[in-house]
């Protein structure tokens, strides 16, 4: 059992429900996959023991994101936002996940909510910096398109054009 799992045994977490587990690394690129999975398991246990803690759910979402598991990260961050809709870091990290996935329209909308939730100058500067970066990427066209229109008509038109080309080729 790793040091992280030993730090999060039942009595430590139960006696201090608002205390976050220690992060076992400073540089996320140097953590081994085994250590990261141990940390995620310990965070999942802590979240089960303290279901009302948005801080733990936010940390779990961040750990899943580091593990390149976007769906679980999204679920954990959404849970953190449901627990406390006014939690700044849950909102900021939820918006950041969308930003990293290049869903920039959604990321911008969620980051604006984080700007509104900021309670001090440091939080405000974090959110504004993220919003500035999102808007820069949107200007450069680095975003995934939102598929809001049906593709039936363009598909049908392409099919008819291909049919016409093939028909003219065969009849020649």
N, C-alpha and C. Protein backbone atom coordinates (compact mmCIF):
# COMPACT_ATOMS: atom_id res chain seq x y z
N UNK A 1 0.86 -1.18 0.00
CA UNK A 1 0.00 0.00 0.00
C UNK A 1 0.89 1.23 0.00
N UNK A 2 0.56 2.20 -0.81
CA UNK A 2 1.40 3.39 -0.95
C UNK A 2 1.18 4.35 0.22
N UNK A 3 2.04 5.35 0.28
CA UNK A 3 1.92 6.38 1.32
C UNK A 3 0.60 7.13 1.23
N UNK A 4 0.13 7.33 0.01
CA UNK A 4 -1.12 8.07 -0.19
C UNK A 4 -2.28 7.30 0.42
N UNK A 5 -2.32 5.99 0.16
CA UNK A 5 -3.41 5.18 0.69
C UNK A 5 -3.33 5.12 2.22
N UNK A 6 -2.11 5.12 2.76
CA UNK A 6 -1.98 5.10 4.22
C UNK A 6 -2.46 6.41 4.83
N UNK A 7 -2.28 7.53 4.12
CA UNK A 7 -2.72 8.82 4.63
C UNK A 7 -4.24 8.92 4.68
N UNK A 8 -4.91 8.16 3.84
CA UNK A 8 -6.35 8.30 3.73
C UNK A 8 -7.12 7.16 4.39
N UNK A 9 -6.54 6.52 5.39
CA UNK A 9 -7.28 5.48 6.08
C UNK A 9 -8.45 6.11 6.81
N UNK A 10 -9.43 5.30 7.12
CA UNK A 10 -10.71 5.75 7.65
C UNK A 10 -10.66 6.80 8.73
N UNK A 11 -9.80 6.66 9.72
CA UNK A 11 -9.83 7.59 10.84
C UNK A 11 -9.37 8.99 10.45
N UNK A 12 -8.36 9.10 9.59
CA UNK A 12 -7.88 10.41 9.18
C UNK A 12 -8.96 11.17 8.43
N UNK A 13 -9.62 10.51 7.48
CA UNK A 13 -10.63 11.16 6.67
C UNK A 13 -11.87 11.47 7.50
N UNK A 14 -12.28 10.54 8.34
CA UNK A 14 -13.48 10.75 9.14
C UNK A 14 -13.29 11.85 10.18
N UNK A 15 -12.09 11.97 10.74
CA UNK A 15 -11.88 12.97 11.78
C UNK A 15 -11.75 14.38 11.20
N UNK A 16 -11.30 14.49 9.95
CA UNK A 16 -11.18 15.80 9.31
C UNK A 16 -11.84 15.75 7.94
N UNK A 17 -13.15 15.90 7.89
CA UNK A 17 -13.85 15.72 6.63
C UNK A 17 -13.53 16.79 5.59
N UNK A 18 -13.06 17.96 5.97
CA UNK A 18 -12.78 19.00 5.01
C UNK A 18 -11.32 19.00 4.57
N UNK A 19 -10.49 18.17 5.18
CA UNK A 19 -9.08 18.11 4.84
C UNK A 19 -8.89 17.30 3.57
N UNK A 20 -8.16 17.87 2.63
CA UNK A 20 -7.91 17.20 1.37
C UNK A 20 -6.68 16.31 1.50
N UNK A 21 -6.65 15.21 0.77
CA UNK A 21 -5.46 14.35 0.81
C UNK A 21 -4.26 15.06 0.19
N UNK A 22 -3.11 14.73 0.69
CA UNK A 22 -1.88 15.35 0.18
C UNK A 22 -1.61 14.85 -1.23
N UNK A 23 -1.21 15.76 -2.09
CA UNK A 23 -0.87 15.39 -3.46
C UNK A 23 0.54 14.82 -3.44
N UNK A 24 0.75 13.61 -3.94
CA UNK A 24 2.05 12.96 -3.80
C UNK A 24 3.10 13.43 -4.80
N UNK A 25 2.83 14.43 -5.59
CA UNK A 25 3.80 14.90 -6.57
C UNK A 25 3.60 16.39 -6.83
N UNK A 26 4.61 17.02 -7.35
CA UNK A 26 4.53 18.43 -7.73
C UNK A 26 4.34 18.56 -9.24
N UNK A 27 5.04 17.74 -10.00
CA UNK A 27 4.96 17.78 -11.46
C UNK A 27 4.10 16.61 -11.93
N UNK A 28 2.96 16.88 -12.55
CA UNK A 28 2.06 15.79 -12.94
C UNK A 28 2.66 14.85 -13.98
N UNK A 29 3.71 15.25 -14.67
CA UNK A 29 4.31 14.39 -15.69
C UNK A 29 5.25 13.35 -15.09
N UNK A 30 5.58 13.49 -13.81
CA UNK A 30 6.51 12.55 -13.19
C UNK A 30 5.82 11.46 -12.38
N UNK A 31 4.51 11.52 -12.27
CA UNK A 31 3.80 10.52 -11.47
C UNK A 31 3.63 9.24 -12.29
N UNK A 32 3.85 8.12 -11.64
CA UNK A 32 3.71 6.84 -12.32
C UNK A 32 2.23 6.47 -12.41
N UNK A 33 1.84 5.69 -13.40
CA UNK A 33 0.44 5.28 -13.52
C UNK A 33 -0.06 4.52 -12.30
N UNK A 34 0.79 3.72 -11.68
CA UNK A 34 0.40 2.99 -10.48
C UNK A 34 0.11 3.92 -9.32
N UNK A 35 0.96 4.90 -9.15
CA UNK A 35 0.77 5.86 -8.07
C UNK A 35 -0.49 6.69 -8.30
N UNK A 36 -0.73 7.05 -9.55
CA UNK A 36 -1.94 7.80 -9.88
C UNK A 36 -3.19 6.98 -9.64
N UNK A 37 -3.17 5.70 -10.00
CA UNK A 37 -4.35 4.86 -9.75
C UNK A 37 -4.56 4.65 -8.25
N UNK A 38 -3.50 4.55 -7.47
CA UNK A 38 -3.64 4.46 -6.01
C UNK A 38 -4.27 5.73 -5.45
N UNK A 39 -3.83 6.87 -5.96
CA UNK A 39 -4.36 8.15 -5.51
C UNK A 39 -5.83 8.29 -5.87
N UNK A 40 -6.19 7.86 -7.08
CA UNK A 40 -7.60 7.91 -7.50
C UNK A 40 -8.44 7.00 -6.63
N UNK A 41 -7.94 5.82 -6.33
CA UNK A 41 -8.69 4.89 -5.46
C UNK A 41 -8.89 5.48 -4.07
N UNK A 42 -7.86 6.12 -3.55
CA UNK A 42 -7.99 6.71 -2.21
C UNK A 42 -8.95 7.90 -2.23
N UNK A 43 -8.95 8.66 -3.32
CA UNK A 43 -9.91 9.76 -3.44
C UNK A 43 -11.33 9.25 -3.58
N UNK A 44 -11.53 8.17 -4.32
CA UNK A 44 -12.87 7.58 -4.44
C UNK A 44 -13.37 7.11 -3.09
N UNK A 45 -12.49 6.51 -2.30
CA UNK A 45 -12.86 6.09 -0.95
C UNK A 45 -13.21 7.29 -0.08
N UNK A 46 -12.42 8.33 -0.17
CA UNK A 46 -12.69 9.54 0.61
C UNK A 46 -14.01 10.19 0.18
N UNK A 47 -14.31 10.15 -1.11
CA UNK A 47 -15.58 10.71 -1.60
C UNK A 47 -16.77 9.89 -1.10
N UNK A 48 -16.60 8.57 -1.00
CA UNK A 48 -17.67 7.73 -0.46
C UNK A 48 -17.90 8.00 1.02
N UNK A 49 -16.82 8.24 1.75
CA UNK A 49 -16.93 8.50 3.18
C UNK A 49 -17.44 9.91 3.47
N UNK A 50 -17.19 10.85 2.57
CA UNK A 50 -17.62 12.24 2.73
C UNK A 50 -18.37 12.68 1.48
N UNK A 51 -19.60 12.21 1.28
CA UNK A 51 -20.30 12.53 0.03
C UNK A 51 -20.69 13.99 -0.10
N UNK A 52 -20.62 14.77 0.95
CA UNK A 52 -20.99 16.17 0.90
C UNK A 52 -19.81 17.11 0.68
N UNK A 53 -18.67 16.60 0.30
CA UNK A 53 -17.48 17.44 0.14
C UNK A 53 -17.23 17.75 -1.33
N UNK A 54 -17.48 18.99 -1.75
CA UNK A 54 -17.18 19.34 -3.15
C UNK A 54 -15.67 19.39 -3.42
N UNK A 55 -14.88 19.65 -2.39
CA UNK A 55 -13.42 19.68 -2.55
C UNK A 55 -12.89 18.32 -2.96
N UNK A 56 -13.36 17.26 -2.28
CA UNK A 56 -12.89 15.91 -2.62
C UNK A 56 -13.34 15.50 -4.01
N UNK A 57 -14.58 15.83 -4.37
CA UNK A 57 -15.07 15.50 -5.71
C UNK A 57 -14.30 16.26 -6.78
N UNK A 58 -13.94 17.50 -6.50
CA UNK A 58 -13.15 18.28 -7.45
C UNK A 58 -11.76 17.66 -7.61
N UNK A 59 -11.14 17.27 -6.51
CA UNK A 59 -9.83 16.62 -6.60
C UNK A 59 -9.91 15.31 -7.37
N UNK A 60 -10.99 14.56 -7.16
CA UNK A 60 -11.18 13.32 -7.89
C UNK A 60 -11.32 13.58 -9.38
N UNK A 61 -12.08 14.61 -9.72
CA UNK A 61 -12.22 14.97 -11.13
C UNK A 61 -10.90 15.36 -11.76
N UNK A 62 -10.09 16.10 -11.02
CA UNK A 62 -8.78 16.50 -11.52
C UNK A 62 -7.87 15.29 -11.70
N UNK A 63 -7.93 14.35 -10.75
CA UNK A 63 -7.10 13.14 -10.85
C UNK A 63 -7.51 12.29 -12.04
N UNK A 64 -8.82 12.16 -12.27
CA UNK A 64 -9.28 11.41 -13.44
C UNK A 64 -8.83 12.10 -14.73
N UNK A 65 -8.84 13.42 -14.74
CA UNK A 65 -8.38 14.16 -15.92
C UNK A 65 -6.89 13.91 -16.16
N UNK A 66 -6.11 13.85 -15.10
CA UNK A 66 -4.68 13.55 -15.24
C UNK A 66 -4.48 12.14 -15.79
N UNK A 67 -5.44 11.26 -15.50
CA UNK A 67 -5.37 9.88 -15.97
C UNK A 67 -6.00 9.74 -17.37
N UNK A 68 -6.32 10.86 -18.00
CA UNK A 68 -6.92 10.91 -19.34
C UNK A 68 -8.26 10.18 -19.40
N UNK A 69 -9.02 10.26 -18.33
CA UNK A 69 -10.35 9.65 -18.29
C UNK A 69 -11.36 10.78 -18.21
N UNK A 70 -11.70 11.34 -19.38
CA UNK A 70 -12.53 12.54 -19.42
C UNK A 70 -13.94 12.29 -18.90
N UNK A 71 -14.50 11.11 -19.16
CA UNK A 71 -15.88 10.85 -18.73
C UNK A 71 -16.00 10.80 -17.21
N UNK A 72 -15.09 10.09 -16.57
CA UNK A 72 -15.13 10.03 -15.10
C UNK A 72 -14.80 11.39 -14.49
N UNK A 73 -13.89 12.11 -15.13
CA UNK A 73 -13.56 13.45 -14.66
C UNK A 73 -14.79 14.35 -14.73
N UNK A 74 -15.50 14.29 -15.84
CA UNK A 74 -16.70 15.09 -16.01
C UNK A 74 -17.75 14.72 -14.96
N UNK A 75 -17.91 13.42 -14.71
CA UNK A 75 -18.89 12.98 -13.70
C UNK A 75 -18.54 13.50 -12.32
N UNK A 76 -17.26 13.42 -11.95
CA UNK A 76 -16.84 13.87 -10.62
C UNK A 76 -17.00 15.39 -10.48
N UNK A 77 -16.65 16.12 -11.52
CA UNK A 77 -16.78 17.58 -11.44
C UNK A 77 -18.24 18.02 -11.45
N UNK A 78 -19.08 17.31 -12.19
CA UNK A 78 -20.51 17.62 -12.15
C UNK A 78 -21.09 17.31 -10.77
N UNK A 79 -20.62 16.23 -10.15
CA UNK A 79 -21.07 15.90 -8.79
C UNK A 79 -20.65 16.99 -7.81
N UNK A 80 -19.44 17.50 -7.96
CA UNK A 80 -18.96 18.57 -7.08
C UNK A 80 -19.81 19.82 -7.24
N UNK A 81 -20.19 20.13 -8.48
CA UNK A 81 -21.04 21.30 -8.72
C UNK A 81 -22.45 21.09 -8.17
N UNK A 82 -22.93 19.85 -8.20
CA UNK A 82 -24.26 19.57 -7.64
C UNK A 82 -24.25 19.69 -6.11
N UNK A 83 -23.15 19.26 -5.50
CA UNK A 83 -23.04 19.34 -4.05
C UNK A 83 -23.06 20.80 -3.61
N UNK A 84 -22.27 21.63 -4.28
CA UNK A 84 -22.22 23.05 -3.94
C UNK A 84 -22.14 23.87 -5.23
N UNK A 85 -23.28 24.40 -5.70
CA UNK A 85 -23.28 25.17 -6.95
C UNK A 85 -22.46 26.45 -6.89
N UNK A 86 -22.07 26.89 -5.70
CA UNK A 86 -21.28 28.11 -5.57
C UNK A 86 -19.80 27.83 -5.34
N UNK A 87 -19.37 26.60 -5.53
CA UNK A 87 -17.97 26.22 -5.32
C UNK A 87 -17.14 26.67 -6.52
N UNK A 88 -16.24 27.63 -6.30
CA UNK A 88 -15.48 28.23 -7.37
C UNK A 88 -14.60 27.22 -8.11
N UNK A 89 -13.81 26.44 -7.39
CA UNK A 89 -12.87 25.55 -8.05
C UNK A 89 -13.56 24.41 -8.79
N UNK A 90 -14.68 23.93 -8.28
CA UNK A 90 -15.43 22.91 -9.02
C UNK A 90 -15.90 23.49 -10.36
N UNK A 91 -16.38 24.71 -10.33
CA UNK A 91 -16.84 25.36 -11.55
C UNK A 91 -15.68 25.64 -12.50
N UNK A 92 -14.57 26.14 -11.97
CA UNK A 92 -13.42 26.47 -12.80
C UNK A 92 -12.84 25.22 -13.45
N UNK A 93 -12.71 24.15 -12.70
CA UNK A 93 -12.13 22.91 -13.25
C UNK A 93 -13.09 22.24 -14.24
N UNK A 94 -14.39 22.37 -14.01
CA UNK A 94 -15.38 21.87 -14.97
C UNK A 94 -15.23 22.62 -16.29
N UNK A 95 -15.09 23.94 -16.21
CA UNK A 95 -14.89 24.74 -17.41
C UNK A 95 -13.55 24.41 -18.06
N UNK A 96 -12.52 24.18 -17.26
CA UNK A 96 -11.21 23.85 -17.80
C UNK A 96 -11.22 22.52 -18.54
N UNK A 97 -11.98 21.57 -18.03
CA UNK A 97 -12.07 20.28 -18.72
C UNK A 97 -12.67 20.47 -20.11
N UNK A 98 -13.71 21.29 -20.20
CA UNK A 98 -14.29 21.57 -21.52
C UNK A 98 -13.29 22.30 -22.41
N UNK A 99 -12.53 23.20 -21.81
CA UNK A 99 -11.49 23.93 -22.55
C UNK A 99 -10.44 22.96 -23.10
N UNK A 100 -10.01 22.03 -22.29
CA UNK A 100 -8.99 21.07 -22.72
C UNK A 100 -9.53 20.12 -23.78
N UNK A 101 -10.83 19.84 -23.72
CA UNK A 101 -11.45 19.00 -24.74
C UNK A 101 -11.81 19.79 -25.99
N UNK A 102 -11.53 21.08 -25.97
CA UNK A 102 -11.78 22.03 -27.06
C UNK A 102 -13.26 22.19 -27.38
N UNK A 103 -14.09 22.02 -26.37
CA UNK A 103 -15.49 22.39 -26.49
C UNK A 103 -15.57 23.84 -25.99
N UNK A 104 -15.08 24.75 -26.81
CA UNK A 104 -14.81 26.11 -26.37
C UNK A 104 -16.05 26.93 -26.07
N UNK A 105 -17.13 26.70 -26.78
CA UNK A 105 -18.36 27.46 -26.52
C UNK A 105 -18.87 27.14 -25.12
N UNK A 106 -18.92 25.85 -24.78
CA UNK A 106 -19.35 25.44 -23.44
C UNK A 106 -18.32 25.90 -22.40
N UNK A 107 -17.04 25.81 -22.72
CA UNK A 107 -16.00 26.23 -21.79
C UNK A 107 -16.11 27.71 -21.48
N UNK A 108 -16.41 28.52 -22.49
CA UNK A 108 -16.55 29.96 -22.26
C UNK A 108 -17.74 30.24 -21.34
N UNK A 109 -18.85 29.58 -21.60
CA UNK A 109 -20.05 29.78 -20.78
C UNK A 109 -19.80 29.38 -19.33
N UNK A 110 -19.13 28.26 -19.12
CA UNK A 110 -18.86 27.79 -17.76
C UNK A 110 -17.79 28.63 -17.07
N UNK A 111 -16.83 29.14 -17.81
CA UNK A 111 -15.81 30.00 -17.21
C UNK A 111 -16.40 31.33 -16.79
N UNK A 112 -17.36 31.85 -17.55
CA UNK A 112 -18.04 33.08 -17.15
C UNK A 112 -18.75 32.86 -15.82
N UNK A 113 -19.33 31.67 -15.63
CA UNK A 113 -19.95 31.36 -14.33
C UNK A 113 -18.89 31.34 -13.23
N UNK A 114 -17.70 30.83 -13.54
CA UNK A 114 -16.62 30.81 -12.54
C UNK A 114 -16.18 32.22 -12.20
N UNK A 115 -16.15 33.11 -13.19
CA UNK A 115 -15.81 34.52 -12.93
C UNK A 115 -16.81 35.11 -11.96
N UNK A 116 -18.07 34.79 -12.14
CA UNK A 116 -19.12 35.31 -11.25
C UNK A 116 -18.99 34.74 -9.84
N UNK A 117 -18.46 33.52 -9.70
CA UNK A 117 -18.32 32.89 -8.39
C UNK A 117 -17.04 33.28 -7.66
N UNK A 118 -16.11 33.92 -8.34
CA UNK A 118 -14.83 34.28 -7.73
C UNK A 118 -15.07 35.19 -6.52
N UNK A 119 -14.39 34.85 -5.42
CA UNK A 119 -14.60 35.61 -4.18
C UNK A 119 -13.40 36.46 -3.79
N UNK A 120 -12.30 36.34 -4.51
CA UNK A 120 -11.15 37.19 -4.22
C UNK A 120 -10.39 37.47 -5.51
N UNK A 121 -9.40 38.32 -5.44
CA UNK A 121 -8.68 38.75 -6.63
C UNK A 121 -7.92 37.60 -7.30
N UNK A 122 -7.39 36.69 -6.51
CA UNK A 122 -6.63 35.57 -7.07
C UNK A 122 -7.54 34.66 -7.89
N UNK A 123 -8.71 34.30 -7.32
CA UNK A 123 -9.67 33.47 -8.05
C UNK A 123 -10.13 34.18 -9.32
N UNK A 124 -10.39 35.47 -9.20
CA UNK A 124 -10.83 36.24 -10.36
C UNK A 124 -9.77 36.25 -11.46
N UNK A 125 -8.51 36.38 -11.07
CA UNK A 125 -7.44 36.39 -12.07
C UNK A 125 -7.30 35.02 -12.74
N UNK A 126 -7.47 33.93 -11.98
CA UNK A 126 -7.43 32.59 -12.58
C UNK A 126 -8.52 32.42 -13.62
N UNK A 127 -9.73 32.79 -13.26
CA UNK A 127 -10.86 32.63 -14.16
C UNK A 127 -10.73 33.54 -15.38
N UNK A 128 -10.30 34.76 -15.17
CA UNK A 128 -10.14 35.68 -16.30
C UNK A 128 -9.05 35.23 -17.25
N UNK A 129 -7.97 34.69 -16.70
CA UNK A 129 -6.90 34.19 -17.56
C UNK A 129 -7.40 33.02 -18.41
N UNK A 130 -8.16 32.12 -17.80
CA UNK A 130 -8.72 31.00 -18.55
C UNK A 130 -9.68 31.50 -19.62
N UNK A 131 -10.51 32.46 -19.27
CA UNK A 131 -11.47 33.02 -20.22
C UNK A 131 -10.74 33.70 -21.39
N UNK A 132 -9.67 34.40 -21.08
CA UNK A 132 -8.86 35.05 -22.11
C UNK A 132 -8.27 34.01 -23.07
N UNK A 133 -7.77 32.91 -22.53
CA UNK A 133 -7.19 31.86 -23.37
C UNK A 133 -8.26 31.19 -24.23
N UNK A 134 -9.43 30.96 -23.67
CA UNK A 134 -10.53 30.35 -24.43
C UNK A 134 -10.91 31.26 -25.60
N UNK A 135 -11.04 32.54 -25.33
CA UNK A 135 -11.43 33.47 -26.38
C UNK A 135 -10.35 33.62 -27.45
N UNK A 136 -9.09 33.50 -27.06
CA UNK A 136 -8.00 33.53 -28.04
C UNK A 136 -8.12 32.32 -28.96
N UNK A 137 -8.36 31.15 -28.38
CA UNK A 137 -8.51 29.96 -29.21
C UNK A 137 -9.73 30.04 -30.12
N UNK A 138 -10.80 30.65 -29.63
CA UNK A 138 -11.99 30.81 -30.47
C UNK A 138 -11.71 31.73 -31.65
N UNK A 139 -10.95 32.80 -31.43
CA UNK A 139 -10.59 33.70 -32.52
C UNK A 139 -9.75 32.99 -33.57
N UNK A 140 -8.87 32.11 -33.11
CA UNK A 140 -7.98 31.37 -34.02
C UNK A 140 -8.70 30.22 -34.71
N UNK A 141 -9.92 29.92 -34.29
CA UNK A 141 -10.67 28.84 -34.91
C UNK A 141 -10.29 27.46 -34.41
N UNK A 142 -9.72 27.38 -33.22
CA UNK A 142 -9.30 26.10 -32.66
C UNK A 142 -10.39 25.54 -31.76
N UNK A 143 -11.46 25.11 -32.38
CA UNK A 143 -12.55 24.56 -31.57
C UNK A 143 -13.25 23.48 -32.37
N UNK A 144 -13.91 22.62 -31.64
CA UNK A 144 -14.72 21.59 -32.28
C UNK A 144 -16.05 22.21 -32.64
N UNK A 145 -16.56 21.91 -33.82
CA UNK A 145 -17.86 22.49 -34.19
C UNK A 145 -18.99 21.85 -33.40
N UNK A 146 -20.00 22.63 -33.17
CA UNK A 146 -21.20 22.09 -32.53
C UNK A 146 -22.13 21.62 -33.64
N UNK A 147 -22.53 20.37 -33.58
CA UNK A 147 -23.40 19.80 -34.59
C UNK A 147 -24.83 20.05 -34.18
N UNK A 148 -25.35 21.20 -34.58
CA UNK A 148 -26.72 21.57 -34.20
C UNK A 148 -27.69 21.45 -35.37
N UNK A 149 -27.16 21.30 -36.57
CA UNK A 149 -28.03 21.22 -37.74
C UNK A 149 -28.05 19.79 -38.26
N UNK A 150 -29.18 19.36 -38.82
CA UNK A 150 -29.24 17.99 -39.36
C UNK A 150 -28.37 17.87 -40.61
N UNK A 151 -27.82 16.69 -40.79
CA UNK A 151 -26.94 16.44 -41.92
C UNK A 151 -27.64 15.66 -43.03
N UNK A 152 -28.94 15.47 -42.94
CA UNK A 152 -29.67 14.68 -43.94
C UNK A 152 -29.64 15.34 -45.31
N UNK A 153 -29.92 16.62 -45.40
CA UNK A 153 -29.96 17.30 -46.70
C UNK A 153 -28.59 17.32 -47.38
N UNK A 154 -27.50 17.71 -46.68
CA UNK A 154 -26.19 17.66 -47.34
C UNK A 154 -25.78 16.25 -47.75
N UNK A 155 -26.12 15.24 -46.95
CA UNK A 155 -25.79 13.86 -47.30
C UNK A 155 -26.55 13.43 -48.54
N UNK A 156 -27.82 13.78 -48.62
CA UNK A 156 -28.63 13.45 -49.78
C UNK A 156 -28.09 14.14 -51.03
N UNK A 157 -27.71 15.40 -50.92
CA UNK A 157 -27.16 16.14 -52.06
C UNK A 157 -25.84 15.51 -52.52
N UNK A 158 -24.98 15.13 -51.61
CA UNK A 158 -23.72 14.49 -51.96
C UNK A 158 -23.98 13.16 -52.65
N UNK A 159 -24.93 12.40 -52.14
CA UNK A 159 -25.27 11.11 -52.76
C UNK A 159 -25.80 11.28 -54.17
N UNK A 160 -26.65 12.27 -54.38
CA UNK A 160 -27.19 12.52 -55.72
C UNK A 160 -26.09 12.97 -56.68
N UNK A 161 -25.17 13.79 -56.21
CA UNK A 161 -24.06 14.22 -57.06
C UNK A 161 -23.18 13.03 -57.45
N UNK A 162 -22.87 12.18 -56.49
CA UNK A 162 -22.06 10.99 -56.79
C UNK A 162 -22.79 10.07 -57.77
N UNK A 163 -24.10 9.91 -57.59
CA UNK A 163 -24.89 9.09 -58.50
C UNK A 163 -24.87 9.67 -59.91
N UNK A 164 -25.01 10.98 -60.03
CA UNK A 164 -24.97 11.63 -61.34
C UNK A 164 -23.61 11.46 -61.99
N UNK A 165 -22.54 11.58 -61.24
CA UNK A 165 -21.19 11.40 -61.80
C UNK A 165 -21.00 9.98 -62.27
N UNK A 166 -21.42 9.01 -61.47
CA UNK A 166 -21.29 7.61 -61.86
C UNK A 166 -22.15 7.30 -63.08
N UNK A 167 -23.34 7.86 -63.16
CA UNK A 167 -24.24 7.62 -64.26
C UNK A 167 -23.66 8.18 -65.58
N UNK A 168 -23.07 9.36 -65.50
CA UNK A 168 -22.46 9.93 -66.70
C UNK A 168 -21.22 9.14 -67.13
N UNK A 169 -20.49 8.61 -66.17
CA UNK A 169 -19.31 7.81 -66.49
C UNK A 169 -19.71 6.49 -67.14
N UNK A 170 -20.80 5.89 -66.71
CA UNK A 170 -21.24 4.61 -67.25
C UNK A 170 -21.84 4.79 -68.63
N UNK A 171 -22.57 5.86 -68.86
CA UNK A 171 -23.25 6.09 -70.14
C UNK A 171 -22.30 6.55 -71.24
N UNK A 172 -21.13 6.96 -70.96
CA UNK A 172 -20.17 7.41 -71.98
C UNK A 172 -19.62 6.29 -72.71
